[in-house]
Amino acid sequence: MKLLIYTANLGNFDKVQRHVEQELPEGINSIEYWRCTDDDYPPRINAMTPRLQARIVKMFGWQFKPDFDYYLWVDSSHRLHKPDLAKFFVDKLWNSDVAVFEHPDRKTIQDEANYLYERLQLEAMGGKKQYIIPRYENEDIDGILREVDPSAPLYATTAYIYRNTPEVQKALKEWWYTTSRFHSIDQLGFTDAFKDLRIATIREKYFEVMESIR
């Protein structure tokens, strides 16, 4: 069994810090690492932002780097700073199709949408430093709420691990559909895409498991 640990740093948003070499989890014979950069996947400047383009890598690692049994995505803003973290994720996956972090601040898709509505308004009025507007202005929050179940649980997709099966590949394609069609904050569409599969919830907070490099 083979595991790929991968990330994307398109547009050179984040400083490069390598993961600590990971110990082999039980049942895994080899681990490979891939950091996708503009050299691997040249900017599609006439079609999309680097942020959205990186979502393609996030959801289609199994196409870019085929023939792995497991794929562990880690946002380029974080790194695996302890040698047993690959084992941590594989253990959390257990017999599920995908394992992902529980969101640390909000419970449901609707909660996240409400946060975005409020934050966009505050930033437009000058009440908050602009963070959401430069990244997500005019994204279709209303549209994605009509597409998915707003009461479904919200996950933090900073890191997630999945099995390379046809069913998971289909779910990942569906995830890309909602992300590109409605809103590029991908956690809004994650739960719906995987609703028919086994989701293992990681109760630990992602910022306590991994190291932020920002």
N, C-alpha and C. Protein backbone atom coordinates (compact mmCIF):
# COMPACT_ATOMS: atom_id res chain seq x y z
N MET A 1 0.84 -1.20 0.00
CA MET A 1 0.00 0.00 0.00
C MET A 1 0.88 1.25 0.00
N LYS A 2 0.48 2.25 -0.81
CA LYS A 2 1.28 3.46 -0.96
C LYS A 2 0.45 4.68 -0.56
N LEU A 3 1.13 5.64 0.08
CA LEU A 3 0.51 6.88 0.52
C LEU A 3 1.22 8.05 -0.13
N LEU A 4 0.44 8.98 -0.70
CA LEU A 4 0.99 10.24 -1.20
C LEU A 4 0.58 11.36 -0.25
N ILE A 5 1.55 12.12 0.23
CA ILE A 5 1.30 13.33 1.02
C ILE A 5 1.57 14.51 0.09
N TYR A 6 0.56 15.34 -0.14
CA TYR A 6 0.72 16.35 -1.18
C TYR A 6 0.07 17.68 -0.80
N THR A 7 0.50 18.72 -1.50
CA THR A 7 -0.02 20.06 -1.29
C THR A 7 0.17 20.84 -2.58
N ALA A 8 -0.33 22.08 -2.61
CA ALA A 8 -0.13 22.96 -3.76
C ALA A 8 0.18 24.36 -3.26
N ASN A 9 1.22 24.94 -3.83
CA ASN A 9 1.59 26.32 -3.52
C ASN A 9 1.67 27.07 -4.84
N LEU A 10 0.52 27.34 -5.41
CA LEU A 10 0.46 28.03 -6.69
C LEU A 10 0.40 29.54 -6.44
N GLY A 11 1.12 30.28 -7.27
CA GLY A 11 1.24 31.71 -7.03
C GLY A 11 2.22 32.05 -5.94
N ASN A 12 2.91 31.02 -5.41
CA ASN A 12 3.95 31.21 -4.38
C ASN A 12 3.43 32.00 -3.18
N PHE A 13 2.22 31.62 -2.69
CA PHE A 13 1.62 32.31 -1.56
C PHE A 13 2.34 32.02 -0.25
N ASP A 14 2.85 30.81 -0.11
CA ASP A 14 3.39 30.38 1.18
C ASP A 14 4.87 30.07 1.08
N LYS A 15 5.59 30.33 2.16
CA LYS A 15 6.99 29.96 2.20
C LYS A 15 7.10 28.44 2.25
N VAL A 16 8.17 27.94 1.68
CA VAL A 16 8.34 26.49 1.56
C VAL A 16 9.02 25.95 2.82
N GLN A 17 8.33 25.06 3.50
CA GLN A 17 8.92 24.31 4.60
C GLN A 17 8.49 22.86 4.44
N ARG A 18 9.45 21.99 4.41
CA ARG A 18 9.17 20.58 4.14
C ARG A 18 8.55 19.90 5.36
N HIS A 19 7.76 18.89 5.07
CA HIS A 19 7.26 18.04 6.14
C HIS A 19 8.43 17.27 6.78
N VAL A 20 8.30 17.00 8.04
CA VAL A 20 9.22 16.07 8.70
C VAL A 20 9.00 14.69 8.08
N GLU A 21 10.09 13.99 7.82
CA GLU A 21 9.98 12.65 7.24
C GLU A 21 9.09 11.78 8.13
N GLN A 22 8.11 11.15 7.48
CA GLN A 22 7.10 10.42 8.24
C GLN A 22 7.44 8.94 8.40
N GLU A 23 7.13 8.43 9.57
CA GLU A 23 7.25 7.00 9.81
C GLU A 23 6.16 6.26 9.03
N LEU A 24 6.43 5.05 8.64
CA LEU A 24 5.45 4.27 7.89
C LEU A 24 4.34 3.78 8.82
N PRO A 25 3.10 4.16 8.55
CA PRO A 25 2.00 3.60 9.34
C PRO A 25 1.85 2.10 9.05
N GLU A 26 1.22 1.40 9.92
CA GLU A 26 0.97 -0.03 9.71
C GLU A 26 0.16 -0.23 8.44
N GLY A 27 0.61 -1.14 7.60
CA GLY A 27 -0.08 -1.43 6.35
C GLY A 27 0.36 -0.58 5.19
N ILE A 28 1.19 0.43 5.43
CA ILE A 28 1.70 1.30 4.36
C ILE A 28 3.15 0.91 4.09
N ASN A 29 3.45 0.60 2.82
CA ASN A 29 4.80 0.17 2.46
C ASN A 29 5.71 1.31 2.03
N SER A 30 5.10 2.40 1.54
CA SER A 30 5.92 3.52 1.08
C SER A 30 5.13 4.82 1.16
N ILE A 31 5.84 5.91 1.38
CA ILE A 31 5.27 7.26 1.40
C ILE A 31 6.05 8.12 0.42
N GLU A 32 5.33 8.86 -0.40
CA GLU A 32 5.95 9.85 -1.28
C GLU A 32 5.36 11.22 -0.98
N TYR A 33 6.12 12.27 -1.35
CA TYR A 33 5.72 13.64 -1.07
C TYR A 33 5.69 14.42 -2.38
N TRP A 34 4.70 15.29 -2.49
CA TRP A 34 4.61 16.14 -3.70
C TRP A 34 4.09 17.50 -3.32
N ARG A 35 4.88 18.52 -3.63
CA ARG A 35 4.45 19.92 -3.49
C ARG A 35 4.27 20.48 -4.89
N CYS A 36 3.04 20.67 -5.29
CA CYS A 36 2.75 21.19 -6.63
C CYS A 36 2.99 22.69 -6.66
N THR A 37 3.78 23.15 -7.61
CA THR A 37 4.10 24.57 -7.76
C THR A 37 3.73 25.02 -9.18
N ASP A 38 4.00 26.28 -9.46
CA ASP A 38 3.73 26.81 -10.80
C ASP A 38 4.55 26.08 -11.86
N ASP A 39 5.68 25.51 -11.48
CA ASP A 39 6.47 24.75 -12.45
C ASP A 39 5.77 23.46 -12.85
N ASP A 40 5.07 22.84 -11.89
CA ASP A 40 4.34 21.60 -12.17
C ASP A 40 3.03 21.87 -12.91
N TYR A 41 2.39 22.96 -12.56
CA TYR A 41 1.05 23.27 -13.05
C TYR A 41 1.00 24.76 -13.37
N PRO A 42 1.47 25.15 -14.56
CA PRO A 42 1.62 26.57 -14.90
C PRO A 42 0.32 27.35 -14.71
N PRO A 43 0.45 28.62 -14.30
CA PRO A 43 -0.73 29.44 -14.01
C PRO A 43 -1.68 29.53 -15.20
N ARG A 44 -2.95 29.31 -14.92
CA ARG A 44 -4.00 29.45 -15.93
C ARG A 44 -4.60 30.85 -15.79
N ILE A 45 -3.77 31.85 -16.07
CA ILE A 45 -4.10 33.23 -15.72
C ILE A 45 -5.30 33.78 -16.48
N ASN A 46 -5.62 33.20 -17.61
CA ASN A 46 -6.78 33.67 -18.37
C ASN A 46 -8.06 32.95 -17.98
N ALA A 47 -7.96 32.00 -17.06
CA ALA A 47 -9.13 31.19 -16.71
C ALA A 47 -9.51 31.28 -15.24
N MET A 48 -8.53 31.39 -14.34
CA MET A 48 -8.84 31.32 -12.92
C MET A 48 -7.69 31.86 -12.08
N THR A 49 -8.01 32.13 -10.82
CA THR A 49 -6.99 32.58 -9.88
C THR A 49 -6.14 31.40 -9.41
N PRO A 50 -4.94 31.65 -8.93
CA PRO A 50 -4.14 30.56 -8.35
C PRO A 50 -4.87 29.84 -7.22
N ARG A 51 -5.67 30.56 -6.45
CA ARG A 51 -6.40 29.96 -5.33
C ARG A 51 -7.37 28.90 -5.82
N LEU A 52 -8.12 29.21 -6.88
CA LEU A 52 -9.06 28.23 -7.41
C LEU A 52 -8.32 27.11 -8.13
N GLN A 53 -7.25 27.45 -8.84
CA GLN A 53 -6.48 26.42 -9.54
C GLN A 53 -5.90 25.40 -8.56
N ALA A 54 -5.49 25.87 -7.39
CA ALA A 54 -4.95 24.95 -6.37
C ALA A 54 -6.01 23.97 -5.88
N ARG A 55 -7.29 24.38 -5.95
CA ARG A 55 -8.36 23.46 -5.56
C ARG A 55 -8.39 22.24 -6.49
N ILE A 56 -8.02 22.43 -7.74
CA ILE A 56 -7.98 21.30 -8.67
C ILE A 56 -6.97 20.27 -8.19
N VAL A 57 -5.81 20.73 -7.78
CA VAL A 57 -4.79 19.81 -7.26
C VAL A 57 -5.32 19.13 -6.00
N LYS A 58 -5.97 19.90 -5.14
CA LYS A 58 -6.49 19.39 -3.88
C LYS A 58 -7.48 18.25 -4.08
N MET A 59 -8.29 18.37 -5.13
CA MET A 59 -9.37 17.41 -5.36
C MET A 59 -9.02 16.32 -6.37
N PHE A 60 -7.95 16.53 -7.12
CA PHE A 60 -7.61 15.57 -8.17
C PHE A 60 -6.17 15.07 -8.06
N GLY A 61 -5.68 14.98 -6.83
CA GLY A 61 -4.34 14.41 -6.63
C GLY A 61 -4.23 13.02 -7.23
N TRP A 62 -5.32 12.28 -7.20
CA TRP A 62 -5.34 10.91 -7.73
C TRP A 62 -5.19 10.87 -9.25
N GLN A 63 -5.44 12.00 -9.94
CA GLN A 63 -5.19 12.07 -11.37
C GLN A 63 -3.78 12.58 -11.67
N PHE A 64 -3.34 13.59 -10.91
CA PHE A 64 -1.99 14.12 -11.12
C PHE A 64 -0.94 13.06 -10.80
N LYS A 65 -1.16 12.35 -9.72
CA LYS A 65 -0.22 11.32 -9.25
C LYS A 65 -0.98 10.02 -9.02
N PRO A 66 -1.25 9.27 -10.07
CA PRO A 66 -2.06 8.06 -9.93
C PRO A 66 -1.29 6.91 -9.25
N ASP A 67 -2.04 5.85 -8.97
CA ASP A 67 -1.48 4.58 -8.49
C ASP A 67 -1.11 4.58 -7.03
N PHE A 68 -1.60 5.54 -6.25
CA PHE A 68 -1.45 5.46 -4.80
C PHE A 68 -2.75 4.92 -4.21
N ASP A 69 -2.64 4.29 -3.07
CA ASP A 69 -3.81 3.74 -2.39
C ASP A 69 -4.49 4.76 -1.48
N TYR A 70 -3.67 5.65 -0.90
CA TYR A 70 -4.16 6.68 0.00
C TYR A 70 -3.54 8.01 -0.38
N TYR A 71 -4.32 9.08 -0.19
CA TYR A 71 -3.85 10.43 -0.47
C TYR A 71 -4.12 11.30 0.74
N LEU A 72 -3.08 11.97 1.21
CA LEU A 72 -3.20 12.89 2.34
C LEU A 72 -2.88 14.30 1.85
N TRP A 73 -3.90 15.12 1.79
CA TRP A 73 -3.72 16.52 1.42
C TRP A 73 -3.48 17.36 2.67
N VAL A 74 -2.49 18.29 2.59
CA VAL A 74 -2.25 19.27 3.65
C VAL A 74 -2.10 20.63 2.98
N ASP A 75 -2.93 21.60 3.36
CA ASP A 75 -2.79 22.95 2.80
C ASP A 75 -1.35 23.44 2.96
N SER A 76 -0.90 24.24 2.01
CA SER A 76 0.49 24.70 2.05
C SER A 76 0.75 25.67 3.19
N SER A 77 -0.30 26.08 3.89
CA SER A 77 -0.13 26.93 5.08
C SER A 77 0.26 26.13 6.31
N HIS A 78 0.30 24.80 6.19
CA HIS A 78 0.64 23.94 7.32
C HIS A 78 1.64 22.87 6.89
N ARG A 79 2.25 22.24 7.89
CA ARG A 79 3.16 21.14 7.59
C ARG A 79 3.07 20.10 8.69
N LEU A 80 3.47 18.89 8.32
CA LEU A 80 3.55 17.80 9.29
C LEU A 80 4.89 17.92 10.00
N HIS A 81 4.87 18.34 11.26
CA HIS A 81 6.10 18.68 11.98
C HIS A 81 6.53 17.58 12.95
N LYS A 82 5.78 16.48 13.01
CA LYS A 82 6.15 15.34 13.84
C LYS A 82 6.15 14.09 12.97
N PRO A 83 7.03 13.13 13.24
CA PRO A 83 7.17 11.98 12.34
C PRO A 83 6.03 10.97 12.38
N ASP A 84 5.12 11.11 13.36
CA ASP A 84 4.04 10.13 13.47
C ASP A 84 2.69 10.65 12.98
N LEU A 85 2.69 11.76 12.25
CA LEU A 85 1.41 12.34 11.84
C LEU A 85 0.77 11.61 10.66
N ALA A 86 1.57 11.00 9.80
CA ALA A 86 0.97 10.16 8.75
C ALA A 86 0.20 9.02 9.41
N LYS A 87 0.79 8.43 10.44
CA LYS A 87 0.11 7.37 11.20
C LYS A 87 -1.17 7.91 11.84
N PHE A 88 -1.12 9.13 12.35
CA PHE A 88 -2.30 9.75 12.95
C PHE A 88 -3.45 9.78 11.95
N PHE A 89 -3.17 10.23 10.73
CA PHE A 89 -4.23 10.35 9.73
C PHE A 89 -4.72 8.98 9.25
N VAL A 90 -3.81 8.06 9.03
CA VAL A 90 -4.21 6.72 8.59
C VAL A 90 -5.07 6.05 9.66
N ASP A 91 -4.70 6.22 10.92
CA ASP A 91 -5.49 5.65 12.01
C ASP A 91 -6.88 6.27 12.07
N LYS A 92 -6.97 7.58 11.84
CA LYS A 92 -8.26 8.25 11.86
C LYS A 92 -9.15 7.77 10.71
N LEU A 93 -8.53 7.47 9.58
CA LEU A 93 -9.30 6.98 8.44
C LEU A 93 -9.90 5.62 8.73
N TRP A 94 -9.13 4.72 9.30
CA TRP A 94 -9.55 3.38 9.68
C TRP A 94 -10.26 2.71 8.52
N ASN A 95 -11.55 2.43 8.64
CA ASN A 95 -12.26 1.76 7.56
C ASN A 95 -13.23 2.70 6.83
N SER A 96 -13.02 4.00 6.98
CA SER A 96 -13.86 4.99 6.30
C SER A 96 -13.30 5.30 4.91
N ASP A 97 -14.04 6.10 4.16
CA ASP A 97 -13.60 6.51 2.83
C ASP A 97 -12.75 7.77 2.87
N VAL A 98 -13.05 8.64 3.82
CA VAL A 98 -12.34 9.90 3.96
C VAL A 98 -12.36 10.29 5.43
N ALA A 99 -11.28 10.93 5.88
CA ALA A 99 -11.22 11.46 7.24
C ALA A 99 -10.87 12.94 7.16
N VAL A 100 -11.59 13.76 7.90
CA VAL A 100 -11.45 15.21 7.80
C VAL A 100 -11.73 15.83 9.17
N PHE A 101 -11.15 17.01 9.41
CA PHE A 101 -11.28 17.67 10.70
C PHE A 101 -12.67 18.27 10.89
N GLU A 102 -13.20 18.13 12.09
CA GLU A 102 -14.37 18.90 12.51
C GLU A 102 -13.99 20.37 12.50
N HIS A 103 -14.89 21.23 12.06
CA HIS A 103 -14.57 22.66 12.04
C HIS A 103 -14.45 23.18 13.47
N PRO A 104 -13.41 23.94 13.77
CA PRO A 104 -13.18 24.35 15.17
C PRO A 104 -14.10 25.45 15.66
N ASP A 105 -14.75 26.18 14.76
CA ASP A 105 -15.51 27.37 15.17
C ASP A 105 -17.00 27.30 14.88
N ARG A 106 -17.38 26.59 13.80
CA ARG A 106 -18.79 26.57 13.40
C ARG A 106 -19.24 25.14 13.14
N LYS A 107 -20.53 24.89 13.33
CA LYS A 107 -21.05 23.52 13.30
C LYS A 107 -21.62 23.10 11.95
N THR A 108 -22.30 24.00 11.26
CA THR A 108 -23.04 23.62 10.06
C THR A 108 -22.64 24.49 8.87
N ILE A 109 -23.07 24.04 7.68
CA ILE A 109 -22.86 24.82 6.47
C ILE A 109 -23.54 26.19 6.60
N GLN A 110 -24.74 26.20 7.17
CA GLN A 110 -25.45 27.47 7.35
C GLN A 110 -24.68 28.41 8.27
N ASP A 111 -24.08 27.88 9.33
CA ASP A 111 -23.27 28.71 10.22
C ASP A 111 -22.14 29.38 9.45
N GLU A 112 -21.49 28.62 8.58
CA GLU A 112 -20.39 29.19 7.79
C GLU A 112 -20.90 30.26 6.84
N ALA A 113 -22.05 30.00 6.22
CA ALA A 113 -22.64 31.00 5.31
C ALA A 113 -22.99 32.28 6.07
N ASN A 114 -23.58 32.13 7.25
CA ASN A 114 -23.92 33.31 8.05
C ASN A 114 -22.67 34.10 8.42
N TYR A 115 -21.60 33.39 8.75
CA TYR A 115 -20.33 34.06 9.05
C TYR A 115 -19.85 34.86 7.84
N LEU A 116 -19.95 34.27 6.66
CA LEU A 116 -19.49 34.94 5.46
C LEU A 116 -20.33 36.17 5.15
N TYR A 117 -21.67 36.04 5.27
CA TYR A 117 -22.55 37.19 5.06
C TYR A 117 -22.16 38.34 5.98
N GLU A 118 -21.99 38.03 7.26
CA GLU A 118 -21.68 39.05 8.25
C GLU A 118 -20.31 39.66 8.01
N ARG A 119 -19.33 38.82 7.72
CA ARG A 119 -17.97 39.32 7.52
C ARG A 119 -17.89 40.20 6.27
N LEU A 120 -18.55 39.79 5.20
CA LEU A 120 -18.56 40.60 3.98
C LEU A 120 -19.16 41.98 4.25
N GLN A 121 -20.24 42.02 5.01
CA GLN A 121 -20.88 43.30 5.32
C GLN A 121 -19.97 44.17 6.18
N LEU A 122 -19.36 43.57 7.20
CA LEU A 122 -18.47 44.34 8.07
C LEU A 122 -17.27 44.88 7.32
N GLU A 123 -16.70 44.08 6.45
CA GLU A 123 -15.54 44.53 5.68
C GLU A 123 -15.93 45.65 4.72
N ALA A 124 -17.12 45.54 4.10
CA ALA A 124 -17.57 46.58 3.18
C ALA A 124 -17.80 47.90 3.89
N MET A 125 -18.18 47.85 5.18
CA MET A 125 -18.43 49.05 5.97
C MET A 125 -17.18 49.55 6.67
N GLY A 126 -16.07 48.83 6.51
CA GLY A 126 -14.83 49.23 7.15
C GLY A 126 -14.71 48.78 8.59
N GLY A 127 -15.61 47.91 9.02
CA GLY A 127 -15.60 47.46 10.41
C GLY A 127 -14.63 46.33 10.67
N LYS A 128 -14.10 45.71 9.62
CA LYS A 128 -13.12 44.64 9.74
C LYS A 128 -12.06 44.81 8.66
N LYS A 129 -10.85 44.37 8.98
CA LYS A 129 -9.79 44.35 7.97
C LYS A 129 -10.21 43.45 6.82
N GLN A 130 -9.97 43.90 5.60
CA GLN A 130 -10.42 43.14 4.45
C GLN A 130 -9.61 41.85 4.29
N TYR A 131 -10.32 40.75 4.35
CA TYR A 131 -9.76 39.42 4.13
C TYR A 131 -10.65 38.61 3.19
N ILE A 132 -11.95 38.59 3.49
CA ILE A 132 -12.90 37.84 2.67
C ILE A 132 -13.15 38.51 1.34
N ILE A 133 -13.34 39.83 1.34
CA ILE A 133 -13.68 40.53 0.08
C ILE A 133 -12.63 40.33 -1.00
N PRO A 134 -11.33 40.52 -0.71
CA PRO A 134 -10.35 40.34 -1.80
C PRO A 134 -10.29 38.91 -2.33
N ARG A 135 -10.73 37.95 -1.54
CA ARG A 135 -10.64 36.56 -1.95
C ARG A 135 -11.95 36.01 -2.51
N TYR A 136 -13.09 36.47 -1.95
CA TYR A 136 -14.34 35.79 -2.24
C TYR A 136 -15.49 36.72 -2.58
N GLU A 137 -15.20 37.96 -2.96
CA GLU A 137 -16.28 38.87 -3.34
C GLU A 137 -17.02 38.31 -4.55
N ASN A 138 -18.35 38.39 -4.51
CA ASN A 138 -19.25 37.95 -5.59
C ASN A 138 -19.34 36.43 -5.73
N GLU A 139 -18.76 35.68 -4.81
CA GLU A 139 -18.98 34.24 -4.81
C GLU A 139 -20.45 33.97 -4.43
N ASP A 140 -21.00 32.87 -4.94
CA ASP A 140 -22.44 32.63 -4.87
C ASP A 140 -22.81 31.82 -3.62
N ILE A 141 -22.91 32.52 -2.50
CA ILE A 141 -23.30 31.85 -1.25
C ILE A 141 -24.73 31.35 -1.35
N ASP A 142 -25.64 32.17 -1.85
CA ASP A 142 -27.03 31.76 -1.97
C ASP A 142 -27.17 30.52 -2.84
N GLY A 143 -26.40 30.48 -3.92
CA GLY A 143 -26.49 29.36 -4.85
C GLY A 143 -26.07 28.05 -4.21
N ILE A 144 -24.99 28.06 -3.47
CA ILE A 144 -24.53 26.81 -2.88
C ILE A 144 -25.46 26.36 -1.76
N LEU A 145 -26.10 27.30 -1.07
CA LEU A 145 -27.06 26.92 -0.03
C LEU A 145 -28.29 26.24 -0.64
N ARG A 146 -28.62 26.58 -1.88
CA ARG A 146 -29.73 25.89 -2.55
C ARG A 146 -29.30 24.51 -3.04
N GLU A 147 -28.00 24.31 -3.26
CA GLU A 147 -27.48 23.07 -3.83
C GLU A 147 -27.25 21.99 -2.77
N VAL A 148 -26.87 22.41 -1.56
CA VAL A 148 -26.50 21.46 -0.52
C VAL A 148 -27.47 21.58 0.66
N ASP A 149 -27.29 20.72 1.64
CA ASP A 149 -28.09 20.77 2.86
C ASP A 149 -27.43 21.73 3.84
N PRO A 150 -28.03 22.91 4.07
CA PRO A 150 -27.39 23.89 4.95
C PRO A 150 -27.22 23.41 6.39
N SER A 151 -28.03 22.43 6.80
CA SER A 151 -27.94 21.94 8.18
C SER A 151 -26.88 20.86 8.36
N ALA A 152 -26.23 20.46 7.26
CA ALA A 152 -25.22 19.40 7.33
C ALA A 152 -23.99 19.89 8.09
N PRO A 153 -23.23 18.98 8.68
CA PRO A 153 -22.05 19.39 9.46
C PRO A 153 -20.98 20.04 8.59
N LEU A 154 -20.28 20.98 9.20
CA LEU A 154 -19.19 21.69 8.53
C LEU A 154 -17.86 21.07 8.95
N TYR A 155 -17.00 20.85 7.97
CA TYR A 155 -15.66 20.32 8.23
C TYR A 155 -14.61 21.34 7.84
N ALA A 156 -13.43 21.22 8.43
CA ALA A 156 -12.29 22.05 8.07
C ALA A 156 -11.40 21.23 7.14
N THR A 157 -11.29 21.64 5.90
CA THR A 157 -10.60 20.84 4.89
C THR A 157 -9.13 21.24 4.73
N THR A 158 -8.56 21.81 5.77
CA THR A 158 -7.14 22.16 5.76
C THR A 158 -6.29 20.93 5.46
N ALA A 159 -6.72 19.79 5.98
CA ALA A 159 -6.06 18.52 5.68
C ALA A 159 -7.14 17.44 5.66
N TYR A 160 -6.98 16.49 4.77
CA TYR A 160 -7.90 15.35 4.76
C TYR A 160 -7.20 14.18 4.07
N ILE A 161 -7.63 12.98 4.42
CA ILE A 161 -7.04 11.77 3.84
C ILE A 161 -8.17 10.94 3.24
N TYR A 162 -7.89 10.34 2.09
CA TYR A 162 -8.94 9.55 1.44
C TYR A 162 -8.36 8.32 0.76
N ARG A 163 -9.25 7.35 0.55
CA ARG A 163 -8.90 6.14 -0.19
C ARG A 163 -9.09 6.41 -1.68
N ASN A 164 -8.25 5.80 -2.47
CA ASN A 164 -8.35 5.96 -3.91
C ASN A 164 -9.27 4.87 -4.47
N THR A 165 -10.57 5.14 -4.43
CA THR A 165 -11.56 4.22 -4.95
C THR A 165 -12.43 4.95 -5.96
N PRO A 166 -13.12 4.24 -6.84
CA PRO A 166 -14.00 4.91 -7.81
C PRO A 166 -15.08 5.75 -7.14
N GLU A 167 -15.58 5.29 -6.01
CA GLU A 167 -16.62 6.03 -5.30
C GLU A 167 -16.08 7.36 -4.75
N VAL A 168 -14.88 7.32 -4.22
CA VAL A 168 -14.27 8.54 -3.70
C VAL A 168 -13.92 9.48 -4.85
N GLN A 169 -13.42 8.96 -5.94
CA GLN A 169 -13.13 9.79 -7.10
C GLN A 169 -14.39 10.52 -7.58
N LYS A 170 -15.50 9.82 -7.60
CA LYS A 170 -16.77 10.44 -7.99
C LYS A 170 -17.15 11.56 -7.04
N ALA A 171 -16.97 11.34 -5.73
CA ALA A 171 -17.27 12.36 -4.74
C ALA A 171 -16.36 13.58 -4.92
N LEU A 172 -15.10 13.34 -5.20
CA LEU A 172 -14.16 14.45 -5.41
C LEU A 172 -14.53 15.27 -6.63
N LYS A 173 -15.01 14.63 -7.67
CA LYS A 173 -15.48 15.36 -8.85
C LYS A 173 -16.70 16.22 -8.50
N GLU A 174 -17.59 15.67 -7.69
CA GLU A 174 -18.77 16.43 -7.26
C GLU A 174 -18.34 17.62 -6.41
N TRP A 175 -17.33 17.42 -5.57
CA TRP A 175 -16.82 18.51 -4.74
C TRP A 175 -16.27 19.64 -5.62
N TRP A 176 -15.56 19.27 -6.67
CA TRP A 176 -15.05 20.29 -7.58
C TRP A 176 -16.21 21.04 -8.25
N TYR A 177 -17.28 20.34 -8.57
CA TYR A 177 -18.44 20.99 -9.20
C TYR A 177 -18.98 22.11 -8.31
N THR A 178 -19.25 21.82 -7.04
CA THR A 178 -19.83 22.86 -6.18
C THR A 178 -18.82 23.98 -5.92
N THR A 179 -17.55 23.63 -5.83
CA THR A 179 -16.52 24.64 -5.56
C THR A 179 -16.36 25.60 -6.74
N SER A 180 -16.31 25.07 -7.94
CA SER A 180 -16.12 25.91 -9.13
C SER A 180 -17.42 26.58 -9.57
N ARG A 181 -18.54 25.93 -9.34
CA ARG A 181 -19.83 26.46 -9.79
C ARG A 181 -20.35 27.56 -8.87
N PHE A 182 -20.14 27.41 -7.55
CA PHE A 182 -20.78 28.32 -6.60
C PHE A 182 -19.80 29.12 -5.75
N HIS A 183 -18.96 28.43 -4.99
CA HIS A 183 -18.13 29.14 -4.02
C HIS A 183 -16.81 28.41 -3.82
N SER A 184 -15.71 29.16 -3.94
CA SER A 184 -14.40 28.53 -3.88
C SER A 184 -13.92 28.27 -2.45
N ILE A 185 -14.70 28.64 -1.42
CA ILE A 185 -14.44 28.12 -0.08
C ILE A 185 -14.95 26.68 -0.10
N ASP A 186 -14.05 25.76 -0.28
CA ASP A 186 -14.45 24.40 -0.64
C ASP A 186 -15.16 23.64 0.46
N GLN A 187 -14.99 24.07 1.73
CA GLN A 187 -15.63 23.32 2.80
C GLN A 187 -17.15 23.45 2.74
N LEU A 188 -17.67 24.44 2.01
CA LEU A 188 -19.11 24.58 1.87
C LEU A 188 -19.73 23.42 1.09
N GLY A 189 -18.97 22.83 0.17
CA GLY A 189 -19.50 21.75 -0.65
C GLY A 189 -19.01 20.37 -0.28
N PHE A 190 -18.09 20.28 0.66
CA PHE A 190 -17.47 19.00 0.98
C PHE A 190 -18.48 17.97 1.49
N THR A 191 -19.28 18.36 2.47
CA THR A 191 -20.16 17.40 3.12
C THR A 191 -21.16 16.80 2.14
N ASP A 192 -21.72 17.63 1.28
CA ASP A 192 -22.68 17.14 0.30
C ASP A 192 -22.03 16.17 -0.67
N ALA A 193 -20.81 16.48 -1.11
CA ALA A 193 -20.13 15.62 -2.08
C ALA A 193 -19.89 14.22 -1.52
N PHE A 194 -19.63 14.12 -0.23
CA PHE A 194 -19.31 12.83 0.40
C PHE A 194 -20.49 12.25 1.19
N LYS A 195 -21.69 12.75 0.98
CA LYS A 195 -22.83 12.36 1.82
C LYS A 195 -23.15 10.88 1.74
N ASP A 196 -22.83 10.22 0.64
CA ASP A 196 -23.14 8.80 0.50
C ASP A 196 -21.97 7.89 0.88
N LEU A 197 -20.90 8.47 1.37
CA LEU A 197 -19.72 7.71 1.75
C LEU A 197 -19.47 7.81 3.25
N ARG A 198 -18.49 7.07 3.71
CA ARG A 198 -18.20 7.03 5.15
C ARG A 198 -17.19 8.13 5.48
N ILE A 199 -17.64 9.13 6.23
CA ILE A 199 -16.78 10.23 6.65
C ILE A 199 -16.37 10.01 8.10
N ALA A 200 -15.07 9.93 8.34
CA ALA A 200 -14.55 9.86 9.71
C ALA A 200 -14.20 11.27 10.16
N THR A 201 -14.79 11.69 11.26
CA THR A 201 -14.56 13.04 11.77
C THR A 201 -13.36 13.04 12.71
N ILE A 202 -12.41 13.91 12.43
CA ILE A 202 -11.25 14.09 13.30
C ILE A 202 -11.60 15.16 14.32
N ARG A 203 -11.71 14.78 15.58
CA ARG A 203 -12.18 15.71 16.62
C ARG A 203 -11.10 16.69 17.06
N GLU A 204 -9.84 16.30 16.93
CA GLU A 204 -8.77 17.23 17.29
C GLU A 204 -8.81 18.44 16.36
N LYS A 205 -8.37 19.58 16.85
CA LYS A 205 -8.33 20.78 16.02
C LYS A 205 -7.09 20.74 15.12
N TYR A 206 -7.27 21.10 13.86
CA TYR A 206 -6.17 20.96 12.91
C TYR A 206 -4.96 21.78 13.29
N PHE A 207 -5.17 22.94 13.92
CA PHE A 207 -4.03 23.78 14.30
C PHE A 207 -3.29 23.24 15.53
N GLU A 208 -3.88 22.24 16.19
CA GLU A 208 -3.17 21.58 17.28
C GLU A 208 -2.43 20.34 16.79
N VAL A 209 -2.82 19.83 15.63
CA VAL A 209 -2.19 18.63 15.08
C VAL A 209 -1.00 18.99 14.21
N MET A 210 -1.17 20.00 13.36
CA MET A 210 -0.14 20.38 12.41
C MET A 210 0.45 21.73 12.79
N GLU A 211 1.55 22.07 12.16
CA GLU A 211 2.22 23.34 12.43
C GLU A 211 1.89 24.35 11.32
N SER A 212 1.42 25.52 11.72
CA SER A 212 1.19 26.59 10.75
C SER A 212 2.52 27.18 10.33
N ILE A 213 2.67 27.46 9.04
CA ILE A 213 3.92 28.05 8.55
C ILE A 213 3.71 29.47 8.06
N ARG A 214 2.57 30.05 8.37
CA ARG A 214 2.32 31.44 7.99
C ARG A 214 2.65 32.38 9.13
